[in-house]
Amino acid sequence: VEMNRVDRHLRISREEGLIEQNTAMRQLVRGLAHEIKNPLGGLRG
């Protein structure tokens, strides 16, 4: 029986995915925020 431990590699891959996901979502939300806040300011005014 030959065994290679892969949980550390899986964890690192999962962590990279979480970091990339968070970065991508922040960029998306910032873009949406700009599109939403401008008309909201006009509506409020």
All heavy atoms as atom14 arrays in JSON, in Angstrom:
{
  "sequence": "VEMNRVDRHLRISREEGLIEQNTAMRQLVRGLAHEIKNPLGGLRG",
  "atom14_mask": [
    [1, 1, 1, 1, 1, 1, 1, 0, 0, 0, 0, 0, 0, 0],
    [1, 1, 1, 1, 1, 1, 1, 1, 1, 0, 0, 0, 0, 0],
    [1, 1, 1, 1, 1, 1, 1, 1, 0, 0, 0, 0, 0, 0],
    [1, 1, 1, 1, 1, 1, 1, 1, 0, 0, 0, 0, 0, 0],
    [1, 1, 1, 1, 1, 1, 1, 1, 1, 1, 1, 0, 0, 0],
    [1, 1, 1, 1, 1, 1, 1, 0, 0, 0, 0, 0, 0, 0],
    [1, 1, 1, 1, 1, 1, 1, 1, 0, 0, 0, 0, 0, 0],
    [1, 1, 1, 1, 1, 1, 1, 1, 1, 1, 1, 0, 0, 0],
    [1, 1, 1, 1, 1, 1, 1, 1, 1, 1, 0, 0, 0, 0],
    [1, 1, 1, 1, 1, 1, 1, 1, 0, 0, 0, 0, 0, 0],
    [1, 1, 1, 1, 1, 1, 1, 1, 1, 1, 1, 0, 0, 0],
    [1, 1, 1, 1, 1, 1, 1, 1, 0, 0, 0, 0, 0, 0],
    [1, 1, 1, 1, 1, 1, 0, 0, 0, 0, 0, 0, 0, 0],
    [1, 1, 1, 1, 1, 1, 1, 1, 1, 1, 1, 0, 0, 0],
    [1, 1, 1, 1, 1, 1, 1, 1, 1, 0, 0, 0, 0, 0],
    [1, 1, 1, 1, 1, 1, 1, 1, 1, 0, 0, 0, 0, 0],
    [1, 1, 1, 1, 0, 0, 0, 0, 0, 0, 0, 0, 0, 0],
    [1, 1, 1, 1, 1, 1, 1, 1, 0, 0, 0, 0, 0, 0],
    [1, 1, 1, 1, 1, 1, 1, 1, 0, 0, 0, 0, 0, 0],
    [1, 1, 1, 1, 1, 1, 1, 1, 1, 0, 0, 0, 0, 0],
    [1, 1, 1, 1, 1, 1, 1, 1, 1, 0, 0, 0, 0, 0],
    [1, 1, 1, 1, 1, 1, 1, 1, 0, 0, 0, 0, 0, 0],
    [1, 1, 1, 1, 1, 1, 1, 0, 0, 0, 0, 0, 0, 0],
    [1, 1, 1, 1, 1, 0, 0, 0, 0, 0, 0, 0, 0, 0],
    [1, 1, 1, 1, 1, 1, 1, 1, 0, 0, 0, 0, 0, 0],
    [1, 1, 1, 1, 1, 1, 1, 1, 1, 1, 1, 0, 0, 0],
    [1, 1, 1, 1, 1, 1, 1, 1, 1, 0, 0, 0, 0, 0],
    [1, 1, 1, 1, 1, 1, 1, 1, 0, 0, 0, 0, 0, 0],
    [1, 1, 1, 1, 1, 1, 1, 0, 0, 0, 0, 0, 0, 0],
    [1, 1, 1, 1, 1, 1, 1, 1, 1, 1, 1, 0, 0, 0],
    [1, 1, 1, 1, 0, 0, 0, 0, 0, 0, 0, 0, 0, 0],
    [1, 1, 1, 1, 1, 1, 1, 1, 0, 0, 0, 0, 0, 0],
    [1, 1, 1, 1, 1, 0, 0, 0, 0, 0, 0, 0, 0, 0],
    [1, 1, 1, 1, 1, 1, 1, 1, 1, 1, 0, 0, 0, 0],
    [1, 1, 1, 1, 1, 1, 1, 1, 1, 0, 0, 0, 0, 0],
    [1, 1, 1, 1, 1, 1, 1, 1, 0, 0, 0, 0, 0, 0],
    [1, 1, 1, 1, 1, 1, 1, 1, 1, 0, 0, 0, 0, 0],
    [1, 1, 1, 1, 1, 1, 1, 1, 0, 0, 0, 0, 0, 0],
    [1, 1, 1, 1, 1, 1, 1, 0, 0, 0, 0, 0, 0, 0],
    [1, 1, 1, 1, 1, 1, 1, 1, 0, 0, 0, 0, 0, 0],
    [1, 1, 1, 1, 0, 0, 0, 0, 0, 0, 0, 0, 0, 0],
    [1, 1, 1, 1, 0, 0, 0, 0, 0, 0, 0, 0, 0, 0],
    [1, 1, 1, 1, 1, 1, 1, 1, 0, 0, 0, 0, 0, 0],
    [1, 1, 1, 1, 1, 1, 1, 1, 1, 1, 1, 0, 0, 0],
    [1, 1, 1, 1, 0, 0, 0, 0, 0, 0, 0, 0, 0, 0]
  ],
  "atom14_positions": [
    [[0.86, -1.19, 0.0], [0.0, 0.0, 0.0], [0.89, 1.24, 0.0], [1.78, 1.38, 0.84], [-0.93, 0.02, 1.23], [-1.81, 1.27, 1.2], [-1.8, -1.23, 1.26], [0.0, 0.0, 0.0], [0.0, 0.0, 0.0], [0.0, 0.0, 0.0], [0.0, 0.0, 0.0], [0.0, 0.0, 0.0], [0.0, 0.0, 0.0], [0.0, 0.0, 0.0]],
    [[0.65, 2.13, -0.95], [1.37, 3.4, -1.03], [0.37, 4.53, -0.78], [-0.69, 4.56, -1.4], [2.01, 3.57, -2.41], [2.98, 2.46, -2.78], [3.31, 2.46, -4.26], [4.09, 3.33, -4.68], [2.76, 1.61, -4.98], [0.0, 0.0, 0.0], [0.0, 0.0, 0.0], [0.0, 0.0, 0.0], [0.0, 0.0, 0.0], [0.0, 0.0, 0.0]],
    [[0.72, 5.45, 0.11], [-0.17, 6.55, 0.48], [0.56, 7.88, 0.41], [1.66, 8.02, 0.97], [-0.73, 6.37, 1.89], [-1.65, 5.19, 2.05], [-2.3, 5.09, 3.75], [-3.37, 3.66, 3.61], [0.0, 0.0, 0.0], [0.0, 0.0, 0.0], [0.0, 0.0, 0.0], [0.0, 0.0, 0.0], [0.0, 0.0, 0.0], [0.0, 0.0, 0.0]],
    [[-0.05, 8.84, -0.26], [0.45, 10.21, -0.29], [-0.6, 11.12, 0.33], [-1.75, 11.15, -0.13], [0.73, 10.67, -1.73], [1.99, 10.05, -2.28], [3.07, 10.25, -1.74], [1.86, 9.27, -3.34], [0.0, 0.0, 0.0], [0.0, 0.0, 0.0], [0.0, 0.0, 0.0], [0.0, 0.0, 0.0], [0.0, 0.0, 0.0], [0.0, 0.0, 0.0]],
    [[-0.21, 11.83, 1.36], [-1.16, 12.71, 2.04], [-1.45, 13.93, 1.18], [-0.53, 14.61, 0.71], [-0.59, 13.14, 3.39], [-1.58, 13.88, 4.25], [-1.07, 14.06, 5.66], [-2.02, 14.83, 6.46], [-1.87, 15.07, 7.76], [-0.8, 14.6, 8.4], [-2.78, 15.77, 8.42], [0.0, 0.0, 0.0], [0.0, 0.0, 0.0], [0.0, 0.0, 0.0]],
    [[-2.74, 14.2, 0.95], [-3.12, 15.3, 0.06], [-4.0, 16.34, 0.76], [-4.37, 17.35, 0.14], [-3.87, 14.78, -1.19], [-2.96, 13.89, -2.02], [-5.15, 14.02, -0.81], [0.0, 0.0, 0.0], [0.0, 0.0, 0.0], [0.0, 0.0, 0.0], [0.0, 0.0, 0.0], [0.0, 0.0, 0.0], [0.0, 0.0, 0.0], [0.0, 0.0, 0.0]],
    [[-4.35, 16.11, 2.04], [-5.27, 17.06, 2.68], [-4.66, 18.45, 2.79], [-5.36, 19.45, 2.69], [-5.73, 16.56, 4.06], [-4.6, 16.02, 4.91], [-3.44, 16.01, 4.46], [-4.88, 15.59, 6.03], [0.0, 0.0, 0.0], [0.0, 0.0, 0.0], [0.0, 0.0, 0.0], [0.0, 0.0, 0.0], [0.0, 0.0, 0.0], [0.0, 0.0, 0.0]],
    [[-3.34, 18.54, 2.97], [-2.7, 19.86, 3.05], [-2.84, 20.59, 1.72], [-3.15, 21.78, 1.68], [-1.23, 19.7, 3.42], [-0.48, 21.03, 3.51], [0.96, 20.81, 4.0], [1.69, 22.06, 4.01], [2.34, 22.53, 2.96], [2.33, 21.87, 1.82], [2.98, 23.68, 3.04], [0.0, 0.0, 0.0], [0.0, 0.0, 0.0], [0.0, 0.0, 0.0]],
    [[-2.63, 19.86, 0.6], [-2.76, 20.48, -0.71], [-4.21, 20.88, -0.98], [-4.48, 21.94, -1.56], [-2.27, 19.53, -1.8], [-0.84, 19.09, -1.62], [0.21, 19.96, -1.73], [-0.31, 17.88, -1.32], [1.35, 19.31, -1.52], [1.05, 18.05, -1.26], [0.0, 0.0, 0.0], [0.0, 0.0, 0.0], [0.0, 0.0, 0.0], [0.0, 0.0, 0.0]],
    [[-5.15, 20.03, -0.55], [-6.56, 20.36, -0.73], [-6.93, 21.59, 0.09], [-7.69, 22.46, -0.38], [-7.44, 19.18, -0.3], [-7.35, 17.92, -1.18], [-8.1, 16.77, -0.52], [-7.9, 18.2, -2.56], [0.0, 0.0, 0.0], [0.0, 0.0, 0.0], [0.0, 0.0, 0.0], [0.0, 0.0, 0.0], [0.0, 0.0, 0.0], [0.0, 0.0, 0.0]],
    [[-6.38, 21.68, 1.32], [-6.67, 22.84, 2.16], [-6.14, 24.11, 1.54], [-6.83, 25.13, 1.49], [-6.06, 22.64, 3.56], [-6.33, 23.81, 4.5], [-5.6, 23.63, 5.82], [-4.16, 23.58, 5.68], [-3.41, 24.66, 5.51], [-3.95, 25.86, 5.44], [-2.11, 24.54, 5.4], [0.0, 0.0, 0.0], [0.0, 0.0, 0.0], [0.0, 0.0, 0.0]],
    [[-4.9, 24.07, 1.04], [-4.31, 25.26, 0.42], [-5.12, 25.67, -0.8], [-5.4, 26.85, -1.02], [-2.84, 24.99, 0.06], [-2.0, 24.86, 1.33], [-2.28, 26.11, -0.82], [-0.58, 24.44, 1.08], [0.0, 0.0, 0.0], [0.0, 0.0, 0.0], [0.0, 0.0, 0.0], [0.0, 0.0, 0.0], [0.0, 0.0, 0.0], [0.0, 0.0, 0.0]],
    [[-5.53, 24.68, -1.6], [-6.34, 24.98, -2.79], [-7.67, 25.61, -2.39], [-8.14, 26.57, -3.03], [-6.57, 23.7, -3.59], [-7.39, 23.93, -4.7], [0.0, 0.0, 0.0], [0.0, 0.0, 0.0], [0.0, 0.0, 0.0], [0.0, 0.0, 0.0], [0.0, 0.0, 0.0], [0.0, 0.0, 0.0], [0.0, 0.0, 0.0], [0.0, 0.0, 0.0]],
    [[-8.29, 25.07, -1.33], [-9.56, 25.63, -0.86], [-9.39, 27.05, -0.35], [-10.21, 27.93, -0.62], [-10.14, 24.73, 0.23], [-11.52, 25.16, 0.72], [-12.07, 24.2, 1.75], [-11.29, 24.19, 2.97], [-10.55, 23.17, 3.37], [-10.47, 22.07, 2.63], [-9.85, 23.23, 4.5], [0.0, 0.0, 0.0], [0.0, 0.0, 0.0], [0.0, 0.0, 0.0]],
    [[-8.29, 27.28, 0.38], [-8.03, 28.62, 0.9], [-7.81, 29.62, -0.23], [-8.31, 30.75, -0.19], [-6.8, 28.59, 1.8], [-7.05, 27.89, 3.13], [-5.79, 27.78, 3.96], [-4.71, 28.16, 3.45], [-5.88, 27.32, 5.12], [0.0, 0.0, 0.0], [0.0, 0.0, 0.0], [0.0, 0.0, 0.0], [0.0, 0.0, 0.0], [0.0, 0.0, 0.0]],
    [[-7.06, 29.21, -1.25], [-6.85, 30.09, -2.4], [-8.18, 30.43, -3.05], [-8.41, 31.57, -3.47], [-5.91, 29.43, -3.4], [-4.46, 29.33, -2.93], [-3.6, 28.57, -3.91], [-4.15, 27.94, -4.83], [-2.36, 28.62, -3.76], [0.0, 0.0, 0.0], [0.0, 0.0, 0.0], [0.0, 0.0, 0.0], [0.0, 0.0, 0.0], [0.0, 0.0, 0.0]],
    [[-9.06, 29.43, -3.13], [-10.38, 29.67, -3.71], [-11.18, 30.67, -2.89], [-11.86, 31.54, -3.45], [0.0, 0.0, 0.0], [0.0, 0.0, 0.0], [0.0, 0.0, 0.0], [0.0, 0.0, 0.0], [0.0, 0.0, 0.0], [0.0, 0.0, 0.0], [0.0, 0.0, 0.0], [0.0, 0.0, 0.0], [0.0, 0.0, 0.0], [0.0, 0.0, 0.0]],
    [[-11.12, 30.55, -1.55], [-11.84, 31.49, -0.69], [-11.31, 32.91, -0.85], [-12.08, 33.87, -0.93], [-11.72, 31.06, 0.77], [-12.61, 29.92, 1.24], [-12.23, 29.5, 2.66], [-14.08, 30.34, 1.19], [0.0, 0.0, 0.0], [0.0, 0.0, 0.0], [0.0, 0.0, 0.0], [0.0, 0.0, 0.0], [0.0, 0.0, 0.0], [0.0, 0.0, 0.0]],
    [[-9.97, 33.05, -0.91], [-9.37, 34.37, -1.06], [-9.75, 34.98, -2.4], [-10.13, 36.15, -2.5], [-7.84, 34.28, -0.89], [-7.49, 33.9, 0.54], [-7.18, 35.61, -1.26], [-6.04, 33.55, 0.76], [0.0, 0.0, 0.0], [0.0, 0.0, 0.0], [0.0, 0.0, 0.0], [0.0, 0.0, 0.0], [0.0, 0.0, 0.0], [0.0, 0.0, 0.0]],
    [[-9.65, 34.17, -3.48], [-10.02, 34.66, -4.81], [-11.5, 35.0, -4.86], [-11.9, 35.99, -5.48], [-9.68, 33.6, -5.86], [-8.17, 33.41, -6.06], [-7.87, 32.25, -6.99], [-8.83, 31.63, -7.49], [-6.68, 31.96, -7.2], [0.0, 0.0, 0.0], [0.0, 0.0, 0.0], [0.0, 0.0, 0.0], [0.0, 0.0, 0.0], [0.0, 0.0, 0.0]],
    [[-12.34, 34.16, -4.23], [-13.78, 34.42, -4.21], [-14.08, 35.74, -3.53], [-14.87, 36.56, -4.03], [-14.48, 33.28, -3.48], [-15.99, 33.42, -3.37], [-16.58, 32.39, -2.42], [-16.7, 32.62, -1.23], [-16.93, 31.24, -2.96], [0.0, 0.0, 0.0], [0.0, 0.0, 0.0], [0.0, 0.0, 0.0], [0.0, 0.0, 0.0], [0.0, 0.0, 0.0]],
    [[-13.43, 35.98, -2.38], [-13.67, 37.21, -1.64], [-13.22, 38.43, -2.44], [-13.91, 39.45, -2.48], [-12.95, 37.16, -0.3], [-13.32, 38.33, 0.6], [-14.48, 38.54, 0.91], [-12.32, 39.1, 1.02], [0.0, 0.0, 0.0], [0.0, 0.0, 0.0], [0.0, 0.0, 0.0], [0.0, 0.0, 0.0], [0.0, 0.0, 0.0], [0.0, 0.0, 0.0]],
    [[-12.06, 38.33, -3.1], [-11.56, 39.44, -3.91], [-12.48, 39.73, -5.07], [-12.81, 40.9, -5.36], [-10.14, 39.11, -4.42], [-9.28, 38.87, -3.31], [-9.58, 40.26, -5.25], [0.0, 0.0, 0.0], [0.0, 0.0, 0.0], [0.0, 0.0, 0.0], [0.0, 0.0, 0.0], [0.0, 0.0, 0.0], [0.0, 0.0, 0.0], [0.0, 0.0, 0.0]],
    [[-12.92, 38.67, -5.76], [-13.81, 38.86, -6.91], [-15.15, 39.46, -6.49], [-15.69, 40.34, -7.17], [-14.03, 37.52, -7.62], [0.0, 0.0, 0.0], [0.0, 0.0, 0.0], [0.0, 0.0, 0.0], [0.0, 0.0, 0.0], [0.0, 0.0, 0.0], [0.0, 0.0, 0.0], [0.0, 0.0, 0.0], [0.0, 0.0, 0.0], [0.0, 0.0, 0.0]],
    [[-15.69, 39.0, -5.34], [-16.97, 39.52, -4.89], [-16.86, 40.99, -4.49], [-17.76, 41.78, -4.78], [-17.48, 38.7, -3.7], [-17.99, 37.31, -4.07], [-19.28, 37.32, -5.33], [-20.51, 38.37, -4.57], [0.0, 0.0, 0.0], [0.0, 0.0, 0.0], [0.0, 0.0, 0.0], [0.0, 0.0, 0.0], [0.0, 0.0, 0.0], [0.0, 0.0, 0.0]],
    [[-15.75, 41.36, -3.86], [-15.58, 42.76, -3.48], [-15.51, 43.65, -4.73], [-16.09, 44.74, -4.76], [-14.31, 42.92, -2.64], [-14.5, 42.48, -1.19], [-13.19, 42.54, -0.42], [-12.7, 43.91, -0.32], [-13.09, 44.8, 0.59], [-14.02, 44.46, 1.47], [-12.57, 46.0, 0.63], [0.0, 0.0, 0.0], [0.0, 0.0, 0.0], [0.0, 0.0, 0.0]],
    [[-14.82, 43.18, -5.77], [-14.74, 43.96, -7.0], [-16.11, 44.08, -7.66], [-16.49, 45.15, -8.15], [-13.74, 43.31, -7.96], [-12.29, 43.4, -7.49], [-11.34, 42.63, -8.38], [-11.76, 41.8, -9.2], [-10.05, 42.89, -8.23], [0.0, 0.0, 0.0], [0.0, 0.0, 0.0], [0.0, 0.0, 0.0], [0.0, 0.0, 0.0], [0.0, 0.0, 0.0]],
    [[-16.86, 42.98, -7.66], [-18.2, 43.0, -8.24], [-19.11, 43.94, -7.48], [-19.84, 44.76, -8.07], [-18.78, 41.59, -8.26], [-20.24, 41.45, -8.72], [-20.38, 41.9, -10.16], [-20.72, 40.01, -8.56], [0.0, 0.0, 0.0], [0.0, 0.0, 0.0], [0.0, 0.0, 0.0], [0.0, 0.0, 0.0], [0.0, 0.0, 0.0], [0.0, 0.0, 0.0]],
    [[-19.07, 43.85, -6.14], [-19.94, 44.69, -5.32], [-19.58, 46.16, -5.47], [-20.46, 47.02, -5.51], [-19.86, 44.25, -3.84], [-20.53, 45.26, -2.93], [-20.51, 42.88, -3.67], [0.0, 0.0, 0.0], [0.0, 0.0, 0.0], [0.0, 0.0, 0.0], [0.0, 0.0, 0.0], [0.0, 0.0, 0.0], [0.0, 0.0, 0.0], [0.0, 0.0, 0.0]],
    [[-18.29, 46.46, -5.58], [-17.89, 47.87, -5.76], [-18.41, 48.42, -7.07], [-18.85, 49.57, -7.15], [-16.36, 47.99, -5.69], [-15.82, 47.79, -4.29], [-14.35, 48.15, -4.17], [-13.85, 47.83, -2.84], [-14.06, 48.59, -1.77], [-14.76, 49.7, -1.89], [-13.58, 48.23, -0.59], [0.0, 0.0, 0.0], [0.0, 0.0, 0.0], [0.0, 0.0, 0.0]],
    [[-18.38, 47.58, -8.11], [-18.94, 48.02, -9.38], [-20.44, 48.24, -9.3], [-20.96, 49.26, -9.8], [0.0, 0.0, 0.0], [0.0, 0.0, 0.0], [0.0, 0.0, 0.0], [0.0, 0.0, 0.0], [0.0, 0.0, 0.0], [0.0, 0.0, 0.0], [0.0, 0.0, 0.0], [0.0, 0.0, 0.0], [0.0, 0.0, 0.0], [0.0, 0.0, 0.0]],
    [[-21.14, 47.31, -8.66], [-22.6, 47.47, -8.5], [-22.93, 48.66, -7.61], [-23.91, 49.37, -7.86], [-23.18, 46.19, -7.89], [-23.25, 44.97, -8.8], [-23.68, 43.74, -8.01], [-24.22, 45.21, -9.96], [0.0, 0.0, 0.0], [0.0, 0.0, 0.0], [0.0, 0.0, 0.0], [0.0, 0.0, 0.0], [0.0, 0.0, 0.0], [0.0, 0.0, 0.0]],
    [[-22.12, 48.88, -6.58], [-22.38, 49.99, -5.66], [-22.34, 51.32, -6.4], [-23.17, 52.2, -6.16], [-21.35, 49.98, -4.53], [0.0, 0.0, 0.0], [0.0, 0.0, 0.0], [0.0, 0.0, 0.0], [0.0, 0.0, 0.0], [0.0, 0.0, 0.0], [0.0, 0.0, 0.0], [0.0, 0.0, 0.0], [0.0, 0.0, 0.0], [0.0, 0.0, 0.0]],
    [[-21.38, 51.46, -7.3], [-21.28, 52.71, -8.07], [-22.53, 52.92, -8.91], [-23.07, 54.04, -8.99], [-20.03, 52.65, -8.96], [-19.86, 53.86, -9.83], [-19.44, 55.09, -9.33], [-20.08, 54.05, -11.15], [-19.4, 55.97, -10.31], [-19.77, 55.37, -11.43], [0.0, 0.0, 0.0], [0.0, 0.0, 0.0], [0.0, 0.0, 0.0], [0.0, 0.0, 0.0]],
    [[-23.01, 51.82, -9.53], [-24.19, 51.93, -10.39], [-25.47, 52.18, -9.58], [-26.42, 52.77, -10.1], [-24.34, 50.64, -11.21], [-23.21, 50.38, -12.19], [-23.09, 51.49, -13.22], [-24.13, 51.99, -13.68], [-21.94, 51.84, -13.57], [0.0, 0.0, 0.0], [0.0, 0.0, 0.0], [0.0, 0.0, 0.0], [0.0, 0.0, 0.0], [0.0, 0.0, 0.0]],
    [[-25.49, 51.73, -8.33], [-26.69, 51.88, -7.51], [-26.69, 53.22, -6.77], [-27.72, 53.9, -6.7], [-26.79, 50.72, -6.49], [-27.05, 49.4, -7.24], [-27.89, 50.97, -5.46], [-26.97, 48.18, -6.35], [0.0, 0.0, 0.0], [0.0, 0.0, 0.0], [0.0, 0.0, 0.0], [0.0, 0.0, 0.0], [0.0, 0.0, 0.0], [0.0, 0.0, 0.0]],
    [[-25.55, 53.62, -6.23], [-25.51, 54.81, -5.38], [-25.73, 56.1, -6.17], [-26.32, 57.05, -5.63], [-24.18, 54.86, -4.62], [-24.07, 53.79, -3.55], [-22.7, 53.75, -2.91], [-22.52, 54.83, -1.88], [-21.26, 54.68, -1.11], [0.0, 0.0, 0.0], [0.0, 0.0, 0.0], [0.0, 0.0, 0.0], [0.0, 0.0, 0.0], [0.0, 0.0, 0.0]],
    [[-25.3, 56.15, -7.41], [-25.51, 57.38, -8.2], [-26.99, 57.68, -8.41], [-27.45, 58.79, -8.09], [-24.78, 57.28, -9.54], [-23.29, 57.56, -9.4], [-22.84, 58.06, -8.38], [-22.53, 57.22, -10.42], [0.0, 0.0, 0.0], [0.0, 0.0, 0.0], [0.0, 0.0, 0.0], [0.0, 0.0, 0.0], [0.0, 0.0, 0.0], [0.0, 0.0, 0.0]],
    [[-27.79, 56.73, -8.93], [-29.23, 57.04, -9.06], [-29.93, 57.22, -7.72], [-30.89, 57.99, -7.63], [-29.78, 55.83, -9.83], [-28.76, 54.77, -9.73], [-27.46, 55.45, -9.58], [0.0, 0.0, 0.0], [0.0, 0.0, 0.0], [0.0, 0.0, 0.0], [0.0, 0.0, 0.0], [0.0, 0.0, 0.0], [0.0, 0.0, 0.0], [0.0, 0.0, 0.0]],
    [[-29.45, 56.53, -6.67], [-30.05, 56.71, -5.35], [-29.86, 58.15, -4.86], [-30.76, 58.75, -4.28], [-29.42, 55.74, -4.34], [-30.0, 54.34, -4.22], [-29.26, 53.56, -3.17], [-31.49, 54.4, -3.9], [0.0, 0.0, 0.0], [0.0, 0.0, 0.0], [0.0, 0.0, 0.0], [0.0, 0.0, 0.0], [0.0, 0.0, 0.0], [0.0, 0.0, 0.0]],
    [[-28.65, 58.69, -5.12], [-28.39, 60.09, -4.72], [-29.31, 61.04, -5.46], [-29.84, 62.0, -4.87], [0.0, 0.0, 0.0], [0.0, 0.0, 0.0], [0.0, 0.0, 0.0], [0.0, 0.0, 0.0], [0.0, 0.0, 0.0], [0.0, 0.0, 0.0], [0.0, 0.0, 0.0], [0.0, 0.0, 0.0], [0.0, 0.0, 0.0], [0.0, 0.0, 0.0]],
    [[-29.51, 60.78, -6.76], [-30.43, 61.63, -7.53], [-31.85, 61.51, -7.05], [-32.59, 62.52, -6.96], [0.0, 0.0, 0.0], [0.0, 0.0, 0.0], [0.0, 0.0, 0.0], [0.0, 0.0, 0.0], [0.0, 0.0, 0.0], [0.0, 0.0, 0.0], [0.0, 0.0, 0.0], [0.0, 0.0, 0.0], [0.0, 0.0, 0.0], [0.0, 0.0, 0.0]],
    [[-32.26, 60.29, -6.72], [-33.62, 60.05, -6.23], [-33.84, 60.78, -4.9], [-34.88, 61.42, -4.69], [-33.83, 58.55, -6.05], [-35.21, 58.06, -5.62], [-36.23, 58.33, -6.7], [-35.17, 56.58, -5.29], [0.0, 0.0, 0.0], [0.0, 0.0, 0.0], [0.0, 0.0, 0.0], [0.0, 0.0, 0.0], [0.0, 0.0, 0.0], [0.0, 0.0, 0.0]],
    [[-32.86, 60.7, -4.02], [-32.99, 61.34, -2.71], [-33.02, 62.86, -2.86], [-33.81, 63.55, -2.2], [-31.8, 60.93, -1.82], [-31.93, 61.36, -0.37], [-30.69, 60.96, 0.42], [-30.89, 61.06, 1.86], [-30.9, 62.19, 2.55], [-30.71, 63.35, 1.92], [-31.12, 62.18, 3.86], [0.0, 0.0, 0.0], [0.0, 0.0, 0.0], [0.0, 0.0, 0.0]],
    [[-32.16, 63.38, -3.74], [-32.14, 64.83, -3.95], [-33.45, 65.34, -4.53], [-33.95, 66.4, -4.12], [0.0, 0.0, 0.0], [0.0, 0.0, 0.0], [0.0, 0.0, 0.0], [0.0, 0.0, 0.0], [0.0, 0.0, 0.0], [0.0, 0.0, 0.0], [0.0, 0.0, 0.0], [0.0, 0.0, 0.0], [0.0, 0.0, 0.0], [0.0, 0.0, 0.0]]
  ]
}
